[in-house]
Protein backbone atom coordinates (compact mmCIF):
# COMPACT_ATOMS: atom_id res chain seq x y z
CA MET A 1 119.95 114.69 105.15
CA ASN A 2 120.23 110.90 105.43
CA ARG A 3 120.61 108.42 102.57
CA PHE A 4 116.90 107.59 102.73
CA THR A 5 115.96 111.20 102.03
CA ILE A 6 118.61 111.67 99.37
CA ALA A 7 117.63 108.43 97.67
CA CYS A 8 114.79 109.70 95.57
CA MET A 9 111.18 109.11 94.91
CA THR A 10 109.17 111.02 92.40
CA VAL A 11 105.80 112.19 91.63
CA VAL A 12 103.46 113.09 88.93
CA GLY A 13 104.62 116.11 86.98
CA LEU A 14 101.65 117.92 85.65
CA SER A 15 100.50 121.30 84.51
CA SER A 16 98.45 123.25 87.02
CA CYS A 17 94.70 123.35 87.14
CA ASN A 18 94.82 126.97 86.05
CA ASN A 19 97.33 126.38 83.27
CA ALA A 20 95.46 123.28 82.11
CA ARG A 21 92.74 125.41 80.61
CA GLN A 22 95.17 127.63 78.71
CA PRO A 23 96.45 126.80 75.21
CA PHE A 24 99.53 124.63 75.01
CA PRO A 25 102.40 125.47 72.63
CA LYS A 26 102.51 124.23 69.07
CA ASN A 27 103.73 120.68 68.65
CA ALA A 28 107.21 120.87 67.14
CA SER A 29 106.42 118.07 64.66
CA SER A 30 103.09 119.40 63.40
CA SER A 31 100.87 122.43 63.04
CA VAL A 32 98.40 121.05 65.58
CA THR A 33 97.99 123.04 68.78
CA ALA A 34 99.24 120.48 71.28
CA ARG A 35 97.48 119.37 74.40
CA PRO A 36 99.82 117.51 76.75
CA ASN A 37 100.54 113.88 75.94
CA ILE A 38 100.53 111.50 78.90
CA VAL A 39 102.84 108.48 79.27
CA ILE A 40 102.67 106.30 82.39
CA LEU A 41 105.28 103.56 82.82
CA LEU A 42 104.38 101.09 85.58
CA THR A 43 106.67 98.27 86.66
CA ASP A 44 105.43 95.16 88.49
CA ASP A 45 106.73 94.42 92.01
CA GLN A 46 109.69 96.80 91.71
CA GLY A 47 110.84 97.95 95.13
CA TYR A 48 111.82 101.36 96.46
CA GLY A 49 115.48 100.35 96.52
CA ASP A 50 115.63 98.96 92.97
CA VAL A 51 116.61 102.15 91.16
CA CYS A 52 120.10 103.63 91.37
CA CYS A 53 118.92 107.12 92.30
CA TYR A 54 116.92 105.56 95.15
CA GLY A 55 120.02 103.94 96.59
CA GLY A 56 119.99 100.77 94.46
CA ASP A 57 123.19 99.06 93.31
CA VAL A 58 122.08 98.22 89.75
CA GLN A 59 122.98 100.66 87.00
CA THR A 60 119.82 102.41 85.75
CA PRO A 61 121.21 105.32 83.68
CA ASN A 62 118.01 106.14 81.83
CA LEU A 63 115.92 106.30 84.99
CA ASP A 64 118.62 108.38 86.62
CA ARG A 65 118.58 110.70 83.59
CA LEU A 66 114.79 110.89 83.77
CA ALA A 67 115.06 111.86 87.44
CA GLY A 68 117.69 114.47 86.62
CA GLU A 69 115.41 116.00 84.00
CA GLY A 70 112.34 115.83 86.24
CA MET A 71 111.24 115.53 89.87
CA ARG A 72 111.80 112.82 92.44
CA PHE A 73 109.65 112.30 95.52
CA THR A 74 110.70 110.32 98.55
CA ASN A 75 107.18 109.73 99.90
CA PHE A 76 105.02 108.36 97.09
CA TYR A 77 102.57 105.54 97.79
CA ALA A 78 101.08 102.98 95.45
CA GLY A 79 97.30 102.78 95.79
CA ALA A 80 97.52 99.36 97.43
CA ALA A 81 100.05 96.68 98.37
CA ALA A 82 99.06 94.24 95.62
CA SER A 83 98.65 94.33 91.86
CA THR A 84 94.92 94.49 91.11
CA PRO A 85 93.80 97.04 93.72
CA SER A 86 96.89 99.15 93.06
CA ARG A 87 96.12 99.38 89.33
CA ALA A 88 92.47 100.15 90.04
CA ALA A 89 93.49 103.08 92.27
CA LEU A 90 96.01 104.34 89.73
CA LEU A 91 93.52 104.38 86.84
CA THR A 92 90.49 105.73 88.71
CA GLY A 93 91.78 107.93 91.54
CA ARG A 94 89.62 105.87 93.92
CA TYR A 95 90.29 103.22 96.54
CA ALA A 96 89.96 99.77 94.96
CA GLU A 97 87.25 98.74 97.41
CA ARG A 98 84.98 101.30 95.76
CA VAL A 99 85.99 100.18 92.29
CA GLY A 100 84.99 96.53 92.78
CA VAL A 101 88.44 94.88 93.04
CA PRO A 102 89.66 94.94 96.65
CA GLY A 103 91.85 91.88 96.07
CA VAL A 104 93.92 90.26 93.34
CA VAL A 105 91.93 88.64 90.52
CA ASP A 106 92.89 85.71 88.30
CA ASP A 107 91.34 83.35 85.73
CA LEU A 108 88.82 82.04 88.27
CA SER A 109 87.60 85.46 89.40
CA GLU A 110 84.14 86.57 88.40
CA ASN A 111 84.66 90.18 89.44
CA GLY A 112 86.53 93.00 87.77
CA ILE A 113 86.55 96.79 87.58
CA LYS A 114 82.95 98.01 87.76
CA PRO A 115 81.32 99.01 84.46
CA THR A 116 80.28 102.28 86.12
CA GLU A 117 83.85 103.26 86.95
CA ILE A 118 85.45 105.99 84.86
CA THR A 119 89.13 105.42 84.18
CA LEU A 120 91.76 107.93 83.15
CA ALA A 121 91.49 106.48 79.64
CA ASP A 122 87.73 107.20 79.66
CA TYR A 123 88.30 110.82 80.62
CA LEU A 124 90.98 111.35 77.99
CA LYS A 125 89.15 109.46 75.24
CA GLN A 126 86.18 111.79 75.73
CA ASN A 127 88.61 114.64 75.25
CA ASP A 128 89.69 113.24 71.85
CA TYR A 129 92.90 111.59 73.02
CA ALA A 130 94.23 108.44 71.41
CA THR A 131 94.39 105.99 74.32
CA GLY A 132 96.69 103.00 74.17
CA MET A 133 97.58 100.32 76.69
CA VAL A 134 100.57 98.01 76.27
CA GLY A 135 101.27 95.41 78.96
CA LYS A 136 99.56 93.80 81.96
CA TRP A 137 95.92 94.70 82.67
CA HIS A 138 94.88 92.69 85.77
CA LEU A 139 91.50 94.34 86.42
CA GLY A 140 89.35 91.41 85.29
CA TYR A 141 89.78 89.05 82.33
CA GLN A 142 86.19 88.66 81.12
CA PRO A 143 85.23 90.78 78.09
CA GLN A 144 83.24 93.37 80.05
CA TYR A 145 86.25 94.12 82.25
CA MET A 146 88.97 94.34 79.59
CA PRO A 147 90.76 97.55 78.49
CA LEU A 148 88.74 98.22 75.34
CA ARG A 149 85.63 98.47 77.54
CA HIS A 150 87.30 100.97 79.85
CA GLY A 151 88.46 103.79 77.64
CA PHE A 152 91.40 102.35 75.75
CA THR A 153 91.22 102.38 71.96
CA GLU A 154 94.21 100.03 71.63
CA PHE A 155 95.44 97.13 73.75
CA PHE A 156 98.42 94.82 73.44
CA GLY A 157 99.24 92.62 76.39
CA ILE A 158 98.13 90.02 78.92
CA PRO A 159 94.96 89.95 81.06
CA TYR A 160 96.61 89.22 84.43
CA SER A 161 99.99 88.42 85.99
CA ASN A 162 102.57 86.51 83.98
CA ASP A 163 102.85 83.86 86.71
CA MET A 164 99.21 82.92 86.24
CA TRP A 165 100.06 80.35 83.61
CA PRO A 166 100.64 76.58 83.35
CA PHE A 167 104.27 76.83 84.47
CA HIS A 168 103.60 78.38 87.87
CA PRO A 169 106.11 76.78 90.30
CA ARG A 170 103.48 76.20 93.00
CA PRO A 171 99.98 76.70 91.58
CA ASP A 172 97.02 76.54 93.91
CA HIS A 173 95.01 75.51 90.86
CA ALA A 174 95.76 74.49 87.29
CA TYR A 175 96.16 77.69 85.33
CA PRO A 176 95.12 77.72 81.66
CA ALA A 177 97.41 78.93 78.91
CA LEU A 178 98.24 82.62 79.31
CA ALA A 179 96.77 84.65 76.45
CA LEU A 180 98.50 87.52 74.66
CA TYR A 181 95.97 89.95 73.21
CA ASP A 182 96.14 92.33 70.30
CA ASN A 183 93.07 94.49 70.94
CA ASP A 184 90.26 91.95 71.55
CA ARG A 185 91.91 89.06 69.70
CA VAL A 186 94.18 86.41 71.24
CA ILE A 187 97.26 86.16 69.01
CA GLU A 188 99.42 83.84 71.10
CA TYR A 189 99.44 81.64 74.17
CA ASN A 190 102.17 81.42 76.82
CA PRO A 191 104.35 84.13 75.24
CA SER A 192 108.04 84.00 76.12
CA VAL A 193 108.83 85.97 79.27
CA ASN A 194 112.33 86.56 77.91
CA GLN A 195 111.02 88.62 74.99
CA MET A 196 108.11 90.38 76.68
CA THR A 197 109.89 93.59 77.72
CA THR A 198 111.26 94.03 74.22
CA ARG A 199 107.89 93.33 72.58
CA LEU A 200 106.04 95.73 74.85
CA THR A 201 108.64 98.42 74.28
CA GLU A 202 108.48 98.04 70.50
CA ARG A 203 104.69 98.26 70.54
CA ALA A 204 104.78 101.33 72.80
CA VAL A 205 107.26 103.11 70.53
CA ASP A 206 105.08 102.24 67.56
CA PHE A 207 102.08 103.81 69.34
CA ILE A 208 104.03 107.02 69.92
CA ASN A 209 105.18 107.15 66.29
CA ARG A 210 101.66 106.60 64.95
CA HIS A 211 100.03 109.21 67.19
CA LYS A 212 102.72 111.89 67.26
CA ASP A 213 100.46 114.42 65.53
CA GLU A 214 97.57 114.14 68.00
CA ALA A 215 97.15 114.15 71.75
CA PHE A 216 97.70 110.67 73.20
CA PHE A 217 97.72 108.71 76.44
CA LEU A 218 100.07 105.71 76.60
CA TYR A 219 99.81 103.37 79.59
CA LEU A 220 102.68 100.86 79.69
CA PRO A 221 102.36 98.47 82.66
CA TYR A 222 105.33 96.11 82.29
CA THR A 223 105.12 92.43 83.25
CA GLN A 224 108.54 92.60 84.96
CA PRO A 225 110.20 92.33 87.44
CA HIS A 226 107.31 90.14 88.66
CA VAL A 227 108.20 86.44 88.67
CA PRO A 228 108.81 84.50 86.51
CA LEU A 229 111.71 86.72 85.56
CA GLY A 230 112.62 86.98 81.91
CA VAL A 231 115.28 88.90 80.03
CA SER A 232 116.38 89.03 76.40
CA ASN A 233 119.81 87.93 75.22
CA LYS A 234 120.95 91.54 74.92
CA PHE A 235 120.79 91.88 78.73
CA LYS A 236 121.27 88.30 79.92
CA GLY A 237 124.23 88.28 82.34
CA LYS A 238 124.99 91.93 81.62
CA SER A 239 124.65 93.16 85.19
CA GLY A 240 126.98 90.56 86.67
CA LYS A 241 124.64 90.55 89.67
CA GLY A 242 122.08 87.92 88.73
CA LEU A 243 118.88 87.64 86.75
CA TYR A 244 116.87 90.17 88.75
CA ALA A 245 119.49 92.86 88.11
CA ASP A 246 119.56 91.92 84.41
CA VAL A 247 115.80 92.44 84.29
CA LEU A 248 116.12 95.86 85.91
CA MET A 249 118.71 96.86 83.33
CA GLU A 250 116.38 95.84 80.49
CA LEU A 251 113.52 97.81 82.02
CA ASP A 252 115.84 100.79 82.23
CA TRP A 253 116.69 100.28 78.54
CA SER A 254 112.98 100.31 77.77
CA VAL A 255 112.55 103.63 79.56
CA GLY A 256 115.37 104.99 77.43
CA GLU A 257 113.64 103.80 74.26
CA ILE A 258 110.43 105.60 75.26
CA MET A 259 112.38 108.78 76.05
CA ASP A 260 114.19 108.58 72.71
CA ALA A 261 110.92 108.07 70.81
CA LEU A 262 109.46 111.19 72.39
CA LYS A 263 112.56 113.20 71.61
CA LYS A 264 112.81 112.02 67.98
CA ASN A 265 109.19 113.03 67.41
CA GLY A 266 109.67 116.45 68.97
CA LEU A 267 107.35 115.67 71.87
CA ASP A 268 109.59 116.20 74.90
CA GLU A 269 108.20 119.58 75.91
CA ASN A 270 104.59 118.57 75.55
CA THR A 271 104.62 115.13 77.18
CA LEU A 272 104.22 114.26 80.82
CA LEU A 273 106.22 111.09 81.48
CA LEU A 274 105.69 109.19 84.74
CA PHE A 275 107.56 106.16 86.04
CA THR A 276 106.45 104.20 89.11
CA SER A 277 105.72 100.70 90.47
CA ASP A 278 102.47 98.99 91.46
CA ASN A 279 103.66 97.88 94.93
CA GLY A 280 106.73 96.84 96.86
CA PRO A 281 108.90 93.78 96.16
CA TRP A 282 107.76 90.16 96.56
CA LEU A 283 110.22 89.23 99.29
CA SER A 284 109.31 85.54 99.43
CA TYR A 285 111.11 85.05 96.09
CA GLY A 286 114.48 85.99 97.55
CA ASN A 287 117.02 86.67 94.82
CA HIS A 288 114.17 86.92 92.26
CA GLY A 289 112.53 89.65 94.33
CA GLY A 290 113.51 93.26 94.75
CA SER A 291 114.69 95.60 97.48
CA THR A 292 112.69 97.85 99.80
CA GLY A 293 115.75 100.03 100.40
CA GLY A 294 115.52 99.17 104.09
CA LEU A 295 111.81 99.88 104.49
CA ARG A 296 109.74 97.54 106.67
CA GLU A 297 108.18 94.40 105.09
CA GLY A 298 107.17 94.21 101.40
CA LYS A 299 104.42 93.39 98.93
CA GLY A 300 101.19 92.26 100.54
CA THR A 301 101.60 94.44 103.64
CA THR A 302 100.63 98.02 104.40
CA PHE A 303 103.95 98.81 106.02
CA GLU A 304 106.18 101.20 104.07
CA GLY A 305 107.97 98.43 102.14
CA GLY A 306 104.64 97.29 100.71
CA GLN A 307 103.42 100.60 99.32
CA ARG A 308 106.15 103.25 99.26
CA VAL A 309 107.52 103.02 95.71
CA PRO A 310 109.59 105.05 93.25
CA LEU A 311 107.91 107.71 91.16
CA ILE A 312 109.73 109.91 88.66
CA ALA A 313 108.00 112.62 86.65
CA ARG A 314 109.24 114.72 83.76
CA MET A 315 107.67 117.46 81.65
CA SER A 316 110.28 119.82 80.26
CA GLY A 317 109.67 123.46 81.03
CA ARG A 318 106.85 122.72 83.47
CA ILE A 319 108.29 120.38 86.11
CA PRO A 320 111.51 121.61 87.74
CA ALA A 321 114.51 119.52 86.73
CA GLY A 322 116.56 117.67 89.31
CA LYS A 323 114.31 118.57 92.24
CA VAL A 324 113.64 116.24 95.17
CA SER A 325 110.61 116.58 97.44
CA ASP A 326 109.77 114.83 100.70
CA GLN A 327 106.04 115.70 100.55
CA PHE A 328 103.85 112.59 100.64
CA LEU A 329 101.52 111.80 97.72
CA SER A 330 99.79 108.72 96.37
CA ALA A 331 98.74 107.10 93.11
CA LEU A 332 95.20 108.25 93.91
CA ASP A 333 96.31 111.77 92.99
CA ILE A 334 97.30 110.98 89.42
CA VAL A 335 93.83 110.91 87.83
CA PRO A 336 92.44 114.01 89.58
CA THR A 337 95.52 115.99 88.58
CA LEU A 338 95.47 114.78 84.98
CA VAL A 339 91.76 115.45 84.61
CA GLU A 340 92.46 119.08 85.52
CA LEU A 341 95.59 119.26 83.40
CA THR A 342 93.77 118.13 80.27
CA ALA A 343 90.40 119.75 81.07
CA SER A 344 88.87 116.28 80.65
CA GLN A 345 85.68 116.72 82.62
CA MET A 346 82.75 114.40 81.89
CA PRO A 347 79.04 114.88 82.66
CA ARG A 348 79.17 112.22 85.40
CA MET A 349 82.12 111.74 87.71
CA ASN A 350 82.67 109.32 90.56
CA ALA A 351 84.13 111.15 93.55
CA PHE A 352 87.93 111.00 93.69
CA ASP A 353 89.78 109.85 96.79
CA GLY A 354 92.91 111.59 95.54
CA GLU A 355 93.37 115.28 94.85
CA ASN A 356 94.93 117.70 92.38
CA VAL A 357 98.57 117.98 93.46
CA TRP A 358 99.93 120.33 90.83
CA ASP A 359 101.28 122.80 93.39
CA ILE A 360 103.32 120.03 94.97
CA LEU A 361 104.62 118.97 91.57
CA ILE A 362 105.97 122.41 90.80
CA GLY A 363 107.70 122.60 94.17
CA LYS A 364 105.18 124.55 96.22
CA GLU A 365 103.87 123.65 99.64
CA GLN A 366 100.42 122.06 99.71
CA GLU A 367 98.71 120.37 102.61
CA HIS A 368 97.69 116.88 101.52
CA LYS A 369 94.57 115.05 102.63
CA PRO A 370 94.99 111.89 104.75
CA PHE A 371 95.89 108.66 102.98
CA TYR A 372 94.38 105.37 104.13
CA PHE A 373 96.17 102.05 103.69
CA LEU A 374 93.62 99.37 102.79
CA TYR A 375 94.21 95.67 102.32
CA SER A 376 91.38 93.45 101.05
CA GLY A 377 88.74 95.75 102.43
CA ARG A 378 90.34 96.45 105.78
CA VAL A 379 91.79 99.84 106.72
CA GLU A 380 95.08 98.95 108.40
CA ALA A 381 96.80 102.34 108.63
CA LEU A 382 96.49 106.08 108.08
CA ARG A 383 99.05 108.71 107.13
CA GLU A 384 98.52 112.35 108.07
CA GLY A 385 101.48 114.65 107.54
CA ARG A 386 104.51 113.16 109.26
CA TRP A 387 102.44 110.64 111.27
CA LYS A 388 101.38 107.12 110.40
CA CYS A 389 99.00 105.22 112.67
CA VAL A 390 98.82 101.44 112.31
CA ILE A 391 95.96 99.51 113.90
CA PRO A 392 96.42 96.09 115.50
CA HIS A 393 96.39 93.42 112.80
CA ASN A 394 98.12 90.30 111.52
CA TYR A 395 100.30 90.60 108.44
CA ARG A 396 102.31 88.55 105.97
CA ILE A 397 105.89 87.63 106.81
CA VAL A 398 108.61 85.73 104.99
CA GLU A 399 110.13 83.08 107.21
CA THR A 400 112.53 81.69 104.61
CA PRO A 401 113.19 83.49 101.29
CA GLY A 402 113.09 81.46 98.10
CA LYS A 403 115.73 81.25 95.41
CA ASP A 404 116.06 81.14 91.61
CA GLY A 405 112.36 81.41 90.82
CA LEU A 406 110.96 79.26 93.61
CA PRO A 407 109.13 80.95 96.50
CA GLY A 408 110.26 80.48 100.05
CA LYS A 409 108.14 79.96 103.15
CA GLN A 410 105.65 82.78 103.53
CA ILE A 411 103.19 82.93 106.44
CA ILE A 412 100.13 84.98 105.57
CA ASP A 413 99.23 85.92 109.17
CA GLY A 414 102.64 85.28 110.69
CA GLY A 415 103.24 88.80 111.94
CA LYS A 416 101.23 90.74 114.49
CA THR A 417 101.35 94.41 115.38
CA GLU A 418 99.77 96.34 118.20
CA LEU A 419 98.45 99.88 117.85
CA ALA A 420 101.42 101.85 116.58
CA LEU A 421 102.29 105.45 115.78
CA PHE A 422 105.32 106.27 113.66
CA ASP A 423 106.96 109.60 112.89
CA LEU A 424 107.89 108.89 109.28
CA GLU A 425 110.02 112.01 108.93
CA ALA A 426 112.34 110.78 111.66
CA ASP A 427 111.68 107.04 111.30
CA PRO A 428 110.75 105.95 107.75
CA TYR A 429 111.66 102.39 108.71
CA GLU A 430 108.77 102.14 111.23
CA ALA A 431 111.10 100.96 113.97
CA TYR A 432 109.94 103.10 116.92
CA ASN A 433 106.35 102.98 118.14
CA LEU A 434 105.43 106.36 119.65
CA ALA A 435 101.80 105.58 120.51
CA ALA A 436 102.50 105.62 124.25
CA LYS A 437 104.41 108.90 123.99
CA TYR A 438 101.70 110.64 121.95
CA PRO A 439 98.46 108.94 123.01
CA ASP A 440 96.19 111.78 121.88
CA ILE A 441 97.56 111.71 118.33
CA ALA A 442 97.27 107.91 118.18
CA ALA A 443 93.73 107.95 119.56
CA GLY A 444 92.57 110.66 117.16
CA MET A 445 93.99 108.86 114.13
CA LEU A 446 92.54 105.53 115.30
CA GLY A 447 89.13 107.16 115.52
CA ARG A 448 89.40 108.42 111.94
CA ILE A 449 90.47 104.96 110.76
CA GLU A 450 87.44 103.39 112.44
CA ALA A 451 85.10 105.99 110.94
CA PHE A 452 86.53 105.48 107.46
CA GLN A 453 86.27 101.71 107.84
CA ALA A 454 82.59 102.04 108.70
CA LYS A 455 82.08 104.21 105.63
CA ILE A 456 83.82 101.72 103.35
CA ASN A 457 81.81 98.85 104.82
CA GLU A 458 78.56 100.70 104.20
CA GLU A 459 79.45 101.64 100.62
CA CYS A 460 80.69 98.17 99.66
CA ARG A 461 77.87 96.04 101.02
């Protein structure tokens, strides 16, 4: 087994569809019959190679402990290669094109997540869960698109990326002051990036403490390690490897704080804890960007470096500890699996693009449906089993990496690929095009890509 396979990736650890409808054990801290609590930790622009157990060189002891107590998957895909569509896929189980946000939104965008979309928070809220979000939203900033309108009962955080503010190093327009919200009220403008991880962590721990005696869903999408990087004094210079590594260490500390809060409240055995990233690293920022672990390209592309990300899942007594799986999954699977786990059906459901993957999460074999790689409305690739077919298209490349918070030279359409077929089991780095060797496989997958593209175009007119 090579280093790529050993270096881990993880996946949603959930209770099976059958078990989901059976009573859960008593909560150790109360007399309430406990349904499973859900905690999703989502980092921003963290690459596959940025965690120690994935081959990274920065110490991440809490994430490594989480992986040792849970499952790690080496083939987990974010829902998209950029922030907004990735978060839409994660929270709805549907491709972002269907959700209304195929591309990144900012303060000038008039679109956001569709009012008709049902998020994971909506499902769980209808099932009497306390639903809290702490961190970066990025699914539309106008009131009708904000978290409190999409199933969350509590919100503390920012409406879009932390670089969409007046101090952007190279703005393509003049950004207004970045607002920090407490529910639907702005409490501060341009909050310090150095204190944000600590503030989000403290608010998340407070949410756990306040809702320990009832079923809850906590969604914690961090603002880091997306530029501009920020770290508190307790971690500044601690890594000895630069600011980006310091930031990773503070994020790891935050994960430890969440784990400790669950343990202190007696919630370990009844809480599903997930850790993942929204997309691959922003390579144009050089030493302020992350590592793909050797995967091809990065954020903003549908090659493996843009969408294959870490995922670690833990639920004591239900998810096998210390297990590694090479089965491929995606963020689209999280909502369908959790809806079954919590029996959170609603009278009206939008069709999921993901599927219930509980069997995979408990270590069983399960054939997974194809996964399409979409970028701004275009289907650029398809994964089926071991095979990935990439259609001819132009893609983003980094000609010269930036340094110390300034972006380098990035060419949006600087790269060009022909029709390609990769065997990802043998070649996760997408180095060897096998389309000529296996023309029937390539042609069949290309036909399915074209059919799916036509379907998306029709639905999204």
